Amino acid sequence: MGERSYDRRKRIRLLKKIILGTIAAAIIIPIITSIILGVRVISLQSKVRELEETLLIYGNGIDGTTGVYTTSNIVEAFIEEAQEVEQLAENEQKQQNLDSQQKQIYLTFDDGPSQNTDEILDILKEYDVKATFFVVGKTDERSVKAYQRIVAEGHTLAMHSYSHKYDEIYESKESFVEDLTKLQEYLYQVTGILPRFYRFPGGSSNTVSKVDIQEFIAYLNENGITYFDWNIASGDAVSDPLSVETIVENCVTKLDSTNECMILMHDATEKKTTVEALPEIIQTIQDRGDAVFLPITDETKPVQHVTAKQ
């Protein structure tokens, strides 16, 4: 009898557990389901808003009817945009290929400023050509204005020593550094530009220096200064004036020998024929149709007579 009573109580407890579990499941499952559905609804609402914004941007007025949005219109808008981007990229690539095929002409002027600088700048402005000026140190008002005009008109202001006195500059490494630093700091003071390009007086292949030129080259490299020589010379460095015809010929007849033409000219008061030859030089090169005039920049491949030792 007692055993039957125990079994009955056991069955009742089990039944209670089943009933309670069923009730709990009936409560918890809808809650969990509601939460899941709520999350999905929020996600769908967000996507709907994004789609509505897209429709407003790309659908409104595409077919000439405000407020009429169609999938085809949206697709067409995206296709047109993609085609425009592709065309821009293609045009840019074509221009880059064209530039790479053109001769790069660098007009460089040493020894200025001088009484001729403004006239040279006027000619360059007239032909819309940028050049590079390897200047020396001069403190008179006209020279200061010339430095500033060179920078203001988009030309490259570069260094050619402060004193241009070979026996002082090339006496020792210390004297070389002192001269260069003096010029660099002075140009920064009057223009706000810190020049980073240098041309050795007489070129890196000069035979005047009492110190191995490699010491100077190493110093320039260590201080982030790039030096440039030339591969085409106008010939105006000689003491006796050259004729305009000779200067033009010297500058243009060697263009076919290289695609990077670093042309050496001089900006000095006595170099009148250089100034007179400049328009013809520019016009002759422009008439070729295969060349572009550029100022020296960080992207310019240096023309160097003496390369640094590794």
Protein backbone atom coordinates (compact mmCIF):
# COMPACT_ATOMS: atom_id res chain seq x y z
CA MET A 1 0.00 0.00 0.00
CA GLY A 2 2.80 2.38 0.99
CA GLU A 3 4.68 1.52 -2.17
CA ARG A 4 1.70 2.42 -4.35
CA SER A 5 1.36 5.75 -2.56
CA TYR A 6 5.07 6.55 -3.22
CA ASP A 7 4.74 5.75 -6.94
CA ARG A 8 1.67 7.95 -7.16
CA ARG A 9 3.45 10.91 -5.56
CA LYS A 10 6.38 10.36 -7.94
CA ARG A 11 4.10 10.44 -10.98
CA ILE A 12 2.42 13.62 -9.72
CA ARG A 13 5.81 15.38 -9.28
CA LEU A 14 6.86 14.36 -12.78
CA LEU A 15 3.57 15.60 -14.19
CA LYS A 16 4.05 18.95 -12.42
CA LYS A 17 7.52 19.30 -13.93
CA ILE A 18 6.16 18.57 -17.39
CA ILE A 19 3.37 21.11 -16.94
CA LEU A 20 5.76 23.78 -15.61
CA GLY A 21 8.26 23.09 -18.42
CA THR A 22 5.49 23.38 -20.98
CA ILE A 23 4.31 26.66 -19.50
CA ALA A 24 7.87 28.03 -19.38
CA ALA A 25 8.51 27.01 -22.97
CA ALA A 26 5.24 28.59 -24.01
CA ILE A 27 6.42 31.86 -22.44
CA ILE A 28 10.14 31.85 -23.35
CA ILE A 29 9.90 30.67 -26.97
CA PRO A 30 7.60 33.54 -28.07
CA ILE A 31 9.87 36.01 -26.31
CA ILE A 32 12.98 34.69 -28.08
CA THR A 33 11.11 34.58 -31.37
CA SER A 34 9.94 38.15 -30.87
CA ILE A 35 13.47 39.30 -30.19
CA ILE A 36 14.80 37.57 -33.32
CA LEU A 37 12.00 38.97 -35.43
CA GLY A 38 12.54 42.43 -33.93
CA VAL A 39 16.22 42.36 -34.89
CA ARG A 40 15.36 41.27 -38.41
CA VAL A 41 12.69 43.94 -38.73
CA ILE A 42 15.16 46.64 -37.64
CA SER A 43 17.69 45.32 -40.16
CA LEU A 44 15.10 45.30 -42.93
CA GLN A 45 13.97 48.82 -42.03
CA SER A 46 17.56 50.01 -42.31
CA LYS A 47 17.91 48.41 -45.74
CA VAL A 48 14.63 49.94 -46.82
CA ARG A 49 15.83 53.39 -45.80
CA GLU A 50 19.07 52.88 -47.74
CA LEU A 51 17.09 51.77 -50.77
CA GLU A 52 14.79 54.77 -50.44
CA GLU A 53 17.78 57.12 -50.32
CA THR A 54 19.25 55.42 -53.38
CA LEU A 55 15.94 55.73 -55.18
CA LEU A 56 15.72 59.41 -54.28
CA ILE A 57 19.23 60.03 -55.60
CA TYR A 58 19.14 57.95 -58.76
CA GLY A 59 15.45 57.59 -59.49
CA ASN A 60 14.12 61.09 -59.06
CA GLY A 61 13.81 62.72 -62.43
CA ILE A 62 15.93 60.25 -64.37
CA ASP A 63 13.06 59.46 -66.69
CA GLY A 64 11.71 62.98 -66.51
CA THR A 65 8.94 62.04 -64.01
CA THR A 66 9.54 63.17 -60.45
CA GLY A 67 8.71 60.49 -57.93
CA VAL A 68 8.76 57.60 -60.39
CA TYR A 69 11.52 55.17 -59.46
CA THR A 70 12.40 52.04 -61.37
CA THR A 71 15.10 49.43 -60.99
CA SER A 72 16.13 49.92 -64.60
CA ASN A 73 16.74 53.64 -64.01
CA ILE A 74 18.95 52.91 -61.03
CA VAL A 75 20.94 50.33 -62.97
CA GLU A 76 21.32 52.74 -65.89
CA ALA A 77 22.57 55.47 -63.54
CA PHE A 78 25.18 53.16 -62.04
CA ILE A 79 26.26 52.01 -65.50
CA GLU A 80 26.63 55.59 -66.73
CA GLU A 81 28.65 56.54 -63.65
CA ALA A 82 30.91 53.51 -64.06
CA GLN A 83 31.43 54.35 -67.73
CA GLU A 84 32.37 57.94 -66.87
CA VAL A 85 34.92 56.76 -64.28
CA GLU A 86 36.34 54.26 -66.76
CA GLN A 87 36.61 56.94 -69.44
CA LEU A 88 38.39 59.33 -67.07
CA ALA A 89 40.87 56.60 -66.11
CA GLU A 90 41.44 55.75 -69.76
CA ASN A 91 42.05 59.41 -70.66
CA GLU A 92 44.47 59.82 -67.79
CA GLN A 93 46.39 56.72 -68.86
CA LYS A 94 46.55 58.00 -72.44
CA GLN A 95 47.94 61.33 -71.20
CA GLN A 96 50.53 59.57 -69.06
CA ASN A 97 51.58 57.45 -72.03
CA LEU A 98 51.78 60.56 -74.19
CA ASP A 99 53.90 62.40 -71.61
CA SER A 100 56.25 59.44 -71.29
CA GLN A 101 56.73 59.40 -75.07
CA GLN A 102 57.45 63.12 -75.27
CA LYS A 103 60.88 64.61 -74.87
CA GLN A 104 61.31 66.30 -71.53
CA ILE A 105 62.98 69.67 -71.95
CA TYR A 106 64.58 71.37 -68.94
CA LEU A 107 65.73 74.94 -69.56
CA THR A 108 68.25 75.79 -66.83
CA PHE A 109 69.88 79.15 -66.19
CA ASP A 110 73.06 79.50 -64.13
CA ASP A 111 74.67 82.48 -62.35
CA GLY A 112 71.63 84.75 -61.91
CA PRO A 113 69.95 86.92 -60.94
CA SER A 114 71.18 89.55 -63.37
CA GLN A 115 69.91 92.51 -65.35
CA ASN A 116 68.53 89.96 -67.82
CA THR A 117 66.46 87.91 -65.35
CA ASP A 118 63.24 89.88 -65.72
CA GLU A 119 63.44 89.71 -69.50
CA ILE A 120 64.04 85.96 -69.37
CA LEU A 121 61.04 85.58 -67.07
CA ASP A 122 58.93 87.71 -69.41
CA ILE A 123 59.79 85.43 -72.35
CA LEU A 124 59.04 82.29 -70.36
CA LYS A 125 55.70 83.75 -69.30
CA GLU A 126 54.82 84.68 -72.87
CA TYR A 127 55.40 81.10 -74.05
CA ASP A 128 53.92 79.53 -70.89
CA VAL A 129 57.15 77.68 -70.15
CA LYS A 130 58.58 76.77 -66.73
CA ALA A 131 62.33 76.65 -66.15
CA THR A 132 64.94 76.19 -63.42
CA PHE A 133 67.25 78.91 -62.12
CA PHE A 134 70.51 77.88 -60.43
CA VAL A 135 71.21 81.12 -58.63
CA VAL A 136 74.06 82.64 -56.64
CA GLY A 137 73.87 84.89 -53.60
CA LYS A 138 73.03 88.56 -54.24
CA THR A 139 71.49 90.96 -51.75
CA ASP A 140 70.52 93.99 -53.85
CA GLU A 141 66.84 94.84 -54.13
CA ARG A 142 66.53 93.85 -57.79
CA SER A 143 67.99 90.41 -57.10
CA VAL A 144 65.72 89.84 -54.10
CA LYS A 145 62.69 90.67 -56.25
CA ALA A 146 64.02 88.33 -58.96
CA TYR A 147 64.27 85.41 -56.49
CA GLN A 148 60.73 86.10 -55.38
CA ARG A 149 59.39 86.39 -58.92
CA ILE A 150 61.03 83.11 -59.94
CA VAL A 151 59.15 81.34 -57.15
CA ALA A 152 55.89 83.24 -57.62
CA GLU A 153 55.68 82.36 -61.33
CA GLY A 154 56.15 78.63 -60.76
CA HIS A 155 59.77 78.17 -61.75
CA THR A 156 62.22 76.12 -59.71
CA LEU A 157 64.66 78.06 -57.54
CA ALA A 158 67.88 76.05 -57.22
CA MET A 159 71.39 76.67 -55.88
CA HIS A 160 74.66 77.34 -57.69
CA SER A 161 76.79 78.42 -54.69
CA TYR A 162 76.67 81.70 -52.82
CA SER A 163 79.96 83.24 -53.94
CA HIS A 164 80.66 81.37 -57.20
CA LYS A 165 84.35 81.70 -56.30
CA TYR A 166 85.90 78.38 -57.25
CA ASP A 167 89.05 78.79 -55.16
CA GLU A 168 86.98 79.39 -52.01
CA ILE A 169 84.17 76.89 -52.58
CA TYR A 170 86.45 73.99 -53.48
CA GLU A 171 89.17 74.76 -50.91
CA SER A 172 87.83 72.21 -48.43
CA LYS A 173 84.68 70.35 -47.48
CA GLU A 174 84.11 72.86 -44.69
CA SER A 175 84.25 75.82 -47.07
CA PHE A 176 81.92 74.04 -49.51
CA VAL A 177 79.38 73.36 -46.76
CA GLU A 178 79.63 76.91 -45.43
CA ASP A 179 79.00 78.42 -48.88
CA LEU A 180 76.08 76.13 -49.68
CA THR A 181 74.44 76.58 -46.26
CA LYS A 182 74.75 80.35 -46.52
CA LEU A 183 72.97 80.38 -49.87
CA GLN A 184 70.26 77.91 -48.85
CA GLU A 185 69.41 79.82 -45.68
CA TYR A 186 69.47 83.17 -47.48
CA LEU A 187 67.08 81.99 -50.21
CA TYR A 188 64.76 80.58 -47.59
CA GLN A 189 64.83 83.91 -45.78
CA VAL A 190 63.85 85.96 -48.85
CA THR A 191 61.42 83.53 -50.53
CA GLY A 192 60.16 81.09 -47.89
CA ILE A 193 61.38 78.25 -50.11
CA LEU A 194 64.19 75.94 -48.94
CA PRO A 195 65.96 74.89 -52.18
CA ARG A 196 66.87 71.21 -52.54
CA PHE A 197 68.61 71.20 -55.93
CA TYR A 198 72.24 72.14 -56.61
CA ARG A 199 74.58 72.59 -59.54
CA PHE A 200 78.31 72.58 -58.91
CA PRO A 201 80.07 75.63 -60.31
CA GLY A 202 81.84 74.14 -63.33
CA GLY A 203 79.75 70.98 -62.99
CA SER A 204 80.46 67.85 -60.97
CA SER A 205 83.16 66.95 -63.51
CA ASN A 206 85.16 70.16 -62.91
CA THR A 207 88.93 69.85 -62.51
CA VAL A 208 89.26 72.85 -60.18
CA SER A 209 88.25 71.28 -56.87
CA LYS A 210 91.08 70.55 -54.44
CA VAL A 211 88.87 68.00 -52.73
CA ASP A 212 87.55 64.76 -54.22
CA ILE A 213 84.13 65.71 -55.58
CA GLN A 214 82.74 62.52 -54.03
CA GLU A 215 83.05 64.12 -50.60
CA PHE A 216 80.78 66.94 -51.69
CA ILE A 217 78.37 64.53 -53.38
CA ALA A 218 78.17 62.45 -50.20
CA TYR A 219 77.37 65.56 -48.18
CA LEU A 220 74.59 66.57 -50.59
CA ASN A 221 73.08 63.09 -50.50
CA GLU A 222 73.21 62.98 -46.71
CA ASN A 223 71.32 66.26 -46.53
CA GLY A 224 68.63 65.49 -49.08
CA ILE A 225 70.02 67.76 -51.81
CA THR A 226 70.10 66.51 -55.42
CA TYR A 227 72.69 67.86 -57.83
CA PHE A 228 72.17 68.31 -61.56
CA ASP A 229 74.61 68.72 -64.43
CA TRP A 230 73.56 69.01 -68.09
CA ASN A 231 73.65 67.04 -71.33
CA ILE A 232 73.07 69.92 -73.77
CA ALA A 233 75.08 73.14 -73.56
CA SER A 234 74.12 76.39 -75.27
CA GLY A 235 77.82 77.28 -75.45
CA ASP A 236 77.26 80.70 -73.89
CA ALA A 237 79.74 80.02 -71.07
CA VAL A 238 82.60 81.30 -73.24
CA SER A 239 83.86 84.83 -72.65
CA ASP A 240 83.25 86.08 -76.20
CA PRO A 241 79.56 86.46 -77.03
CA LEU A 242 78.12 83.79 -79.31
CA SER A 243 75.72 84.67 -82.08
CA VAL A 244 72.01 84.02 -81.63
CA GLU A 245 72.12 81.48 -84.47
CA THR A 246 74.94 79.52 -82.81
CA ILE A 247 73.18 79.38 -79.45
CA VAL A 248 69.94 78.21 -81.05
CA GLU A 249 71.75 75.56 -83.04
CA ASN A 250 73.63 74.31 -79.98
CA CYS A 251 70.38 73.94 -78.06
CA VAL A 252 68.17 72.28 -80.67
CA THR A 253 70.41 70.09 -82.84
CA LYS A 254 71.17 67.62 -80.04
CA LEU A 255 67.60 67.05 -78.90
CA ASP A 256 67.35 63.74 -80.75
CA SER A 257 70.25 62.30 -78.75
CA THR A 258 68.20 61.94 -75.55
CA ASN A 259 64.62 62.06 -74.28
CA GLU A 260 65.63 63.99 -71.16
CA CYS A 261 67.21 67.23 -72.34
CA MET A 262 68.89 69.25 -69.60
CA ILE A 263 69.90 72.46 -71.41
CA LEU A 264 72.57 74.69 -69.86
CA MET A 265 72.29 78.45 -70.36
CA HIS A 266 73.49 81.43 -68.36
CA ASP A 267 71.62 84.31 -66.78
CA ALA A 268 74.32 86.95 -66.70
CA THR A 269 74.30 90.61 -67.68
CA GLU A 270 76.77 90.11 -70.54
CA LYS A 271 74.79 87.20 -72.05
CA LYS A 272 72.51 89.33 -74.21
CA THR A 273 72.49 86.94 -77.15
CA THR A 274 71.26 84.15 -74.87
CA VAL A 275 68.17 86.21 -74.08
CA GLU A 276 67.71 87.04 -77.76
CA ALA A 277 67.99 83.36 -78.70
CA LEU A 278 65.55 82.13 -76.07
CA PRO A 279 62.27 82.78 -77.98
CA GLU A 280 63.56 80.99 -81.06
CA ILE A 281 64.79 78.06 -78.97
CA ILE A 282 61.38 77.67 -77.32
CA GLN A 283 59.42 78.13 -80.54
CA THR A 284 61.59 75.64 -82.44
CA ILE A 285 61.14 73.00 -79.75
CA GLN A 286 57.40 73.62 -79.47
CA ASP A 287 57.01 73.32 -83.23
CA ARG A 288 58.41 69.78 -83.07
CA GLY A 289 55.24 68.64 -81.33
CA ASP A 290 56.99 65.87 -79.41
CA ALA A 291 58.38 67.76 -76.42
CA VAL A 292 57.21 69.25 -73.12
CA PHE A 293 59.00 71.92 -71.07
CA LEU A 294 59.35 71.12 -67.38
CA PRO A 295 60.97 72.66 -64.31
CA ILE A 296 63.19 70.41 -62.20
CA THR A 297 61.21 68.67 -59.45
CA ASP A 298 61.66 65.75 -57.07
CA GLU A 299 60.45 63.47 -59.86
CA THR A 300 63.12 64.62 -62.33
CA LYS A 301 65.77 62.03 -63.10
CA PRO A 302 69.12 63.72 -62.38
CA VAL A 303 71.60 64.27 -65.20
CA GLN A 304 74.98 63.83 -63.54
CA HIS A 305 78.50 63.78 -64.97
CA VAL A 306 79.87 62.11 -61.87
CA THR A 307 77.72 59.62 -60.00
CA ALA A 308 77.98 58.93 -56.29
CA LYS A 309 80.06 55.97 -55.16
CA GLN A 310 78.04 53.21 -53.57
